[in-house]
């Protein structure tokens, strides 16, 4: 004799709760819990093709409409699928998803997910997906089929992948229900890895600030100057600073696409011959192959080349300061000598 499983008990509970049309091909208890349906329709039994149907199929419980098109599927592993014409979870066996929402390609009607609360009917969080390269997570924003609108008059935000860019967008001060034209706060180029912050250029800062530095591995930070981070401190020798006089200042314009006005600066190749540590060099990122079960897709290793690329202009300040101090000391001696000569 076969005992009832969880899926069977769920099914029998549905039968007890709903006053529905019930149909089965069963000839005993063993068949009864494996081959049955509930038709959710008050119409006569011969109109089943227009009914919502609740039925088990193998290890799945399906809600279908019409008779043969699944809308919801719950399998014995606890996975839930939501879609029209959904066949399996995950769709096509791709991935390991336990919640699958399947929709038409490039459809403004979804699939979308909205989360609201008891405060009002406006979404707090939305997940919107129309196609590859066009999906977003919206905070206090929602898509109405034509436009993105505000759910909160204070501020709205969105994380969106559109084309080959991942963008953090924002907008503030839009009344609830108004159309929101979000602006990019941070944009990540998914091909080159470049990061842009378009609105930062227009934000003025003052007071206690720190120059931002980028290491060869992409780490952002600043140069520490406190003695807490230093040892072997001594006064700079002449050999430590006189090399600045060997540098050749030049004027230039950049090649496309870095077009611009005439600028003054140094050539990294020339500086590397005088003071190699004042130059940063072209790097190569080597991507390692992922191992089994590696969800990160492998690692990347930074390999530095010997091709000069940019000059550490900030690093020129200290040696120039030392040389200016020496010139001032020499100037004081010369002025004293001139004064002595004039007094004779």
Protein backbone atom coordinates (compact mmCIF):
# COMPACT_ATOMS: atom_id res chain seq x y z
CA UNK A 1 0.00 0.00 0.00
CA UNK A 2 1.34 3.48 -0.89
CA UNK A 3 1.29 6.30 1.74
CA UNK A 4 0.30 9.83 0.82
CA UNK A 5 3.16 12.24 0.12
CA UNK A 6 3.26 16.02 0.67
CA UNK A 7 2.07 16.74 -2.87
CA UNK A 8 -0.79 14.26 -2.47
CA UNK A 9 -1.89 15.84 0.83
CA UNK A 10 -1.78 19.30 -0.78
CA UNK A 11 -4.00 18.02 -3.54
CA UNK A 12 -6.52 16.41 -1.21
CA UNK A 13 -6.61 19.64 0.82
CA UNK A 14 -7.52 21.57 -2.31
CA UNK A 15 -10.29 19.08 -3.02
CA UNK A 16 -11.73 19.56 0.50
CA UNK A 17 -11.52 23.38 0.45
CA UNK A 18 -12.87 24.13 -3.05
CA UNK A 19 -16.27 23.09 -4.28
CA UNK A 20 -14.97 22.20 -7.73
CA UNK A 21 -15.70 19.81 -10.53
CA UNK A 22 -13.51 16.76 -9.94
CA UNK A 23 -12.40 14.25 -12.56
CA UNK A 24 -10.19 11.18 -12.30
CA UNK A 25 -9.29 8.10 -14.22
CA UNK A 26 -8.41 6.33 -10.98
CA UNK A 27 -9.40 2.75 -10.15
CA UNK A 28 -8.03 2.73 -6.58
CA UNK A 29 -6.17 4.82 -3.99
CA UNK A 30 -2.83 4.37 -5.72
CA UNK A 31 -4.26 5.80 -8.93
CA UNK A 32 -6.30 8.42 -7.10
CA UNK A 33 -3.24 10.25 -5.79
CA UNK A 34 -1.37 10.21 -9.08
CA UNK A 35 -3.95 10.94 -11.79
CA UNK A 36 -6.66 13.49 -11.02
CA UNK A 37 -7.76 17.02 -11.86
CA UNK A 38 -9.91 19.86 -10.51
CA UNK A 39 -11.69 22.07 -13.02
CA UNK A 40 -12.34 25.59 -11.68
CA UNK A 41 -15.45 26.53 -13.68
CA UNK A 42 -19.17 26.65 -12.90
CA UNK A 43 -20.00 25.77 -16.50
CA UNK A 44 -21.10 22.26 -17.54
CA UNK A 45 -18.43 19.59 -17.68
CA UNK A 46 -18.27 19.60 -21.47
CA UNK A 47 -16.64 23.10 -21.45
CA UNK A 48 -13.41 21.98 -19.75
CA UNK A 49 -11.24 23.48 -22.49
CA UNK A 50 -12.03 26.94 -21.05
CA UNK A 51 -11.40 25.96 -17.41
CA UNK A 52 -8.56 26.61 -15.00
CA UNK A 53 -7.25 23.16 -14.22
CA UNK A 54 -5.35 22.00 -11.12
CA UNK A 55 -3.63 18.68 -11.69
CA UNK A 56 -0.53 16.70 -10.74
CA UNK A 57 1.81 15.50 -13.45
CA UNK A 58 4.65 13.23 -12.40
CA UNK A 59 6.46 15.07 -9.59
CA UNK A 60 4.73 18.38 -10.31
CA UNK A 61 1.52 20.16 -9.38
CA UNK A 62 0.25 22.31 -12.25
CA UNK A 63 -2.30 25.09 -12.58
CA UNK A 64 -3.23 25.31 -16.26
CA UNK A 65 -5.34 27.48 -18.55
CA UNK A 66 -6.74 26.52 -20.84
CA UNK A 67 -6.66 22.79 -20.34
CA UNK A 68 -3.10 22.09 -21.53
CA UNK A 69 -1.21 25.38 -21.00
CA UNK A 70 0.62 25.56 -17.62
CA UNK A 71 0.52 28.89 -15.75
CA UNK A 72 2.00 27.74 -12.42
CA UNK A 73 4.17 24.70 -11.81
CA UNK A 74 5.33 23.46 -8.40
CA UNK A 75 7.71 20.51 -8.42
CA UNK A 76 8.71 18.08 -5.69
CA UNK A 77 12.01 19.95 -5.13
CA UNK A 78 10.10 23.08 -4.11
CA UNK A 79 10.78 24.99 -7.34
CA UNK A 80 8.05 27.36 -8.56
CA UNK A 81 7.53 28.35 -12.17
CA UNK A 82 5.21 31.12 -13.38
CA UNK A 83 4.53 31.57 -17.10
CA UNK A 84 2.31 30.70 -19.99
CA UNK A 85 3.40 27.54 -21.82
CA UNK A 86 6.02 26.77 -19.15
CA UNK A 87 7.28 23.21 -19.62
CA UNK A 88 9.98 22.71 -16.99
CA UNK A 89 11.83 24.41 -14.12
CA UNK A 90 14.23 25.98 -14.84
CA UNK A 91 13.17 26.67 -18.44
CA UNK A 92 15.01 24.36 -20.81
CA UNK A 93 17.05 23.00 -17.91
CA UNK A 94 19.28 26.10 -17.97
CA UNK A 95 20.60 27.13 -14.55
CA UNK A 96 19.57 26.10 -11.05
CA UNK A 97 16.67 28.49 -10.41
CA UNK A 98 13.98 27.57 -7.88
CA UNK A 99 11.74 30.49 -8.83
CA UNK A 100 11.24 30.86 -12.57
CA UNK A 101 9.18 33.64 -14.18
CA UNK A 102 9.05 33.21 -17.93
CA UNK A 103 7.72 35.82 -20.38
CA UNK A 104 7.74 37.03 -23.95
CA UNK A 105 10.81 38.64 -25.51
CA UNK A 106 10.85 42.47 -25.59
CA UNK A 107 7.44 42.76 -23.96
CA UNK A 108 6.63 45.94 -22.01
CA UNK A 109 4.01 43.95 -20.10
CA UNK A 110 6.63 41.93 -18.29
CA UNK A 111 7.53 39.74 -16.68
CA UNK A 112 7.71 42.29 -13.86
CA UNK A 113 7.73 41.83 -10.09
CA UNK A 114 6.29 44.52 -7.79
CA UNK A 115 6.57 44.73 -3.99
CA UNK A 116 4.23 47.06 -2.11
CA UNK A 117 3.26 47.62 1.52
CA UNK A 118 0.23 48.74 3.49
CA UNK A 119 1.15 52.45 3.25
CA UNK A 120 -0.24 52.78 -0.29
CA UNK A 121 -0.51 50.97 -3.59
CA UNK A 122 2.70 52.35 -5.08
CA UNK A 123 5.57 49.86 -5.49
CA UNK A 124 8.50 50.04 -3.10
CA UNK A 125 10.61 47.69 -5.22
CA UNK A 126 10.22 46.46 -8.80
CA UNK A 127 12.14 43.98 -10.90
CA UNK A 128 11.59 44.66 -14.58
CA UNK A 129 12.79 42.55 -17.47
CA UNK A 130 11.97 42.92 -21.15
CA UNK A 131 14.90 41.22 -22.87
CA UNK A 132 18.62 40.54 -22.62
CA UNK A 133 20.48 43.82 -22.08
CA UNK A 134 17.33 45.53 -20.80
CA UNK A 135 16.52 44.74 -17.17
CA UNK A 136 16.35 46.81 -13.98
CA UNK A 137 15.78 46.84 -10.23
CA UNK A 138 13.73 49.93 -9.36
CA UNK A 139 13.48 51.52 -5.92
CA UNK A 140 10.41 53.72 -5.36
CA UNK A 141 9.83 53.67 -9.12
CA UNK A 142 7.58 51.55 -11.32
CA UNK A 143 6.89 50.93 -15.02
CA UNK A 144 3.27 51.38 -16.15
CA UNK A 145 3.70 49.85 -19.61
CA UNK A 146 4.70 53.13 -21.23
CA UNK A 147 6.68 55.23 -18.73
CA UNK A 148 8.64 54.91 -15.51
CA UNK A 149 6.87 56.75 -12.71
CA UNK A 150 7.65 57.87 -9.17
CA UNK A 151 6.45 56.00 -6.08
CA UNK A 152 8.03 58.45 -3.63
CA UNK A 153 8.31 62.23 -3.76
CA UNK A 154 11.60 62.19 -1.87
CA UNK A 155 13.87 60.19 -4.17
CA UNK A 156 13.90 57.41 -6.76
CA UNK A 157 16.71 55.05 -7.76
CA UNK A 158 17.38 52.25 -10.19
CA UNK A 159 20.04 49.69 -11.05
CA UNK A 160 19.72 48.93 -14.75
CA UNK A 161 21.59 46.86 -17.32
CA UNK A 162 20.98 48.39 -20.73
CA UNK A 163 23.14 47.35 -23.63
CA UNK A 164 26.70 46.84 -22.42
CA UNK A 165 26.41 49.19 -19.44
CA UNK A 166 25.38 48.71 -15.83
CA UNK A 167 24.10 51.97 -14.39
CA UNK A 168 23.06 53.29 -11.01
CA UNK A 169 20.47 55.96 -11.76
CA UNK A 170 18.68 58.43 -9.52
CA UNK A 171 16.15 61.24 -9.41
CA UNK A 172 14.70 63.29 -6.60
CA UNK A 173 11.72 65.55 -6.00
CA UNK A 174 9.30 63.92 -8.45
CA UNK A 175 5.69 63.81 -7.16
CA UNK A 176 4.14 60.37 -6.78
CA UNK A 177 2.80 59.18 -10.12
CA UNK A 178 4.87 61.61 -12.19
CA UNK A 179 7.11 60.39 -15.02
CA UNK A 180 10.71 59.90 -13.88
CA UNK A 181 13.63 60.55 -16.22
CA UNK A 182 16.43 59.07 -14.14
CA UNK A 183 20.00 60.38 -14.42
CA UNK A 184 23.18 58.31 -14.28
CA UNK A 185 25.06 58.47 -10.99
CA UNK A 186 27.55 55.71 -11.81
CA UNK A 187 27.93 53.88 -15.12
CA UNK A 188 30.06 50.76 -15.57
CA UNK A 189 31.12 49.80 -19.09
CA UNK A 190 30.79 46.01 -19.16
CA UNK A 191 33.16 45.67 -22.11
CA UNK A 192 36.08 47.90 -21.10
CA UNK A 193 35.51 48.00 -17.32
CA UNK A 194 35.53 51.79 -17.41
CA UNK A 195 33.57 53.68 -14.74
CA UNK A 196 32.01 57.11 -15.18
CA UNK A 197 30.17 59.39 -12.74
CA UNK A 198 28.65 62.07 -14.99
CA UNK A 199 27.04 64.21 -12.29
CA UNK A 200 30.11 64.36 -10.01
CA UNK A 201 31.85 66.85 -12.32
CA UNK A 202 29.33 69.51 -11.35
CA UNK A 203 29.63 68.97 -7.56
CA UNK A 204 31.97 71.44 -5.81
CA UNK A 205 33.91 70.30 -2.72
CA UNK A 206 36.13 72.11 -0.24
CA UNK A 207 37.78 71.64 3.12
CA UNK A 208 39.34 68.32 4.12
CA UNK A 209 39.77 66.46 0.81
CA UNK A 210 41.94 63.57 -0.38
CA UNK A 211 43.25 62.90 -3.89
CA UNK A 212 41.93 59.63 -5.24
CA UNK A 213 44.46 57.04 -6.42
CA UNK A 214 43.98 53.86 -8.46
CA UNK A 215 46.32 50.88 -8.03
CA UNK A 216 47.21 48.59 -10.90
CA UNK A 217 44.67 46.04 -9.65
CA UNK A 218 41.91 48.67 -9.70
CA UNK A 219 41.84 49.32 -5.95
CA UNK A 220 40.77 52.86 -5.07
CA UNK A 221 42.43 54.71 -2.19
CA UNK A 222 44.70 57.57 -1.17
CA UNK A 223 48.39 58.09 -0.44
CA UNK A 224 49.07 57.91 3.31
CA UNK A 225 51.32 60.73 4.56
CA UNK A 226 51.25 60.31 8.35
CA UNK A 227 54.45 59.20 10.10
CA UNK A 228 52.33 56.39 11.52
CA UNK A 229 52.74 54.67 8.17
CA UNK A 230 56.44 55.48 7.60
CA UNK A 231 59.90 54.44 8.79
CA UNK A 232 63.53 55.16 7.88
CA UNK A 233 62.68 58.88 7.66
CA UNK A 234 65.59 61.24 6.74
CA UNK A 235 66.18 64.51 4.92
CA UNK A 236 66.24 64.18 1.14
CA UNK A 237 69.72 64.12 -0.42
CA UNK A 238 70.69 66.03 -3.55
CA UNK A 239 70.67 62.75 -5.46
CA UNK A 240 67.07 62.23 -4.39
CA UNK A 241 65.80 65.37 -6.11
CA UNK A 242 68.21 66.73 -8.72
CA UNK A 243 66.83 64.39 -11.35
CA UNK A 244 63.86 66.74 -11.87
CA UNK A 245 66.17 69.01 -13.89
CA UNK A 246 66.65 66.23 -16.44
CA UNK A 247 62.96 66.18 -17.33
CA UNK A 248 61.75 67.84 -20.53
CA UNK A 249 58.46 69.74 -20.30
CA UNK A 250 56.58 69.68 -23.60
CA UNK A 251 53.36 71.04 -25.08
CA UNK A 252 51.03 68.69 -26.97
CA UNK A 253 47.51 67.81 -28.04
CA UNK A 254 45.96 64.38 -27.56
CA UNK A 255 45.13 62.04 -30.42
CA UNK A 256 41.52 60.93 -31.00
CA UNK A 257 39.45 59.99 -29.12
CA UNK A 258 41.22 62.03 -26.40
CA UNK A 259 40.94 65.26 -28.33
CA UNK A 260 41.29 68.57 -26.50
CA UNK A 261 43.15 71.83 -26.15
CA UNK A 262 46.91 72.28 -26.14
CA UNK A 263 48.35 71.02 -22.84
CA UNK A 264 51.67 71.06 -21.01
CA UNK A 265 53.20 67.95 -19.52
CA UNK A 266 55.80 65.21 -19.75
CA UNK A 267 56.25 62.13 -21.91
CA UNK A 268 56.07 58.92 -19.88
CA UNK A 269 58.74 57.25 -22.02
CA UNK A 270 61.25 60.03 -21.26
CA UNK A 271 60.44 60.13 -17.54
CA UNK A 272 60.89 56.35 -17.29
CA UNK A 273 64.48 56.79 -18.52
CA UNK A 274 65.18 59.34 -15.77
CA UNK A 275 63.09 58.04 -12.85
CA UNK A 276 61.26 54.76 -13.60
CA UNK A 277 59.29 54.81 -10.31
CA UNK A 278 57.59 58.03 -11.38
CA UNK A 279 55.83 56.20 -14.20
CA UNK A 280 53.03 53.64 -14.20
CA UNK A 281 53.10 51.00 -16.89
CA UNK A 282 50.61 49.20 -19.11
CA UNK A 283 49.10 46.22 -17.37
CA UNK A 284 47.56 43.02 -18.68
CA UNK A 285 44.67 41.29 -16.94
CA UNK A 286 44.98 37.52 -17.30
CA UNK A 287 41.74 35.65 -16.64
CA UNK A 288 42.06 32.15 -15.24
CA UNK A 289 39.64 29.41 -16.21
CA UNK A 290 36.87 28.72 -13.66
CA UNK A 291 36.96 25.46 -11.73
CA UNK A 292 33.98 23.19 -11.17
CA UNK A 293 31.41 24.87 -8.91
CA UNK A 294 33.11 28.28 -9.19
CA UNK A 295 30.29 30.83 -9.37
CA UNK A 296 32.73 33.72 -9.82
CA UNK A 297 33.83 32.56 -13.27
CA UNK A 298 37.53 32.21 -12.44
CA UNK A 299 40.01 34.83 -11.24
CA UNK A 300 42.00 37.61 -12.84
CA UNK A 301 45.71 38.19 -12.35
CA UNK A 302 47.44 41.55 -12.96
CA UNK A 303 50.61 41.34 -15.05
CA UNK A 304 52.62 44.54 -15.47
CA UNK A 305 54.47 45.23 -18.73
CA UNK A 306 57.46 47.52 -19.38
CA UNK A 307 55.46 49.87 -21.59
CA UNK A 308 55.19 53.35 -19.97
CA UNK A 309 51.70 54.82 -19.88
CA UNK A 310 51.30 57.69 -17.41
CA UNK A 311 53.37 59.95 -15.15
CA UNK A 312 52.81 60.43 -11.44
CA UNK A 313 52.63 64.22 -11.60
CA UNK A 314 51.77 64.49 -7.91
CA UNK A 315 55.06 62.74 -7.14
CA UNK A 316 56.94 65.66 -8.70
CA UNK A 317 55.86 68.04 -5.94
CA UNK A 318 58.28 66.87 -3.22
CA UNK A 319 61.50 66.87 -5.29
CA UNK A 320 60.58 70.26 -6.79
CA UNK A 321 59.93 71.57 -3.27
CA UNK A 322 63.35 70.33 -2.14
CA UNK A 323 65.08 72.00 -5.09
CA UNK A 324 63.17 75.26 -4.51
CA UNK A 325 64.31 75.23 -0.88
CA UNK A 326 67.91 74.75 -1.97
CA UNK A 327 67.57 77.58 -4.48
CA UNK A 328 66.15 79.82 -1.77
CA UNK A 329 69.06 78.96 0.53
CA UNK A 330 71.49 79.79 -2.26
CA UNK A 331 69.60 83.03 -2.92
CA UNK A 332 69.92 84.04 0.74
CA UNK A 333 73.68 83.46 0.59
CA UNK A 334 73.97 85.49 -2.61
CA UNK A 335 71.92 88.37 -1.22
CA UNK A 336 74.07 88.44 1.90
CA UNK A 337 77.21 88.48 -0.24
CA UNK A 338 75.84 91.31 -2.41
CA UNK A 339 74.97 93.34 0.71
CA UNK A 340 78.50 92.85 2.05
CA UNK A 341 80.03 94.00 -1.24
CA UNK A 342 77.81 97.08 -1.37
CA UNK A 343 78.79 98.06 2.17
CA UNK A 344 82.50 98.30 1.32
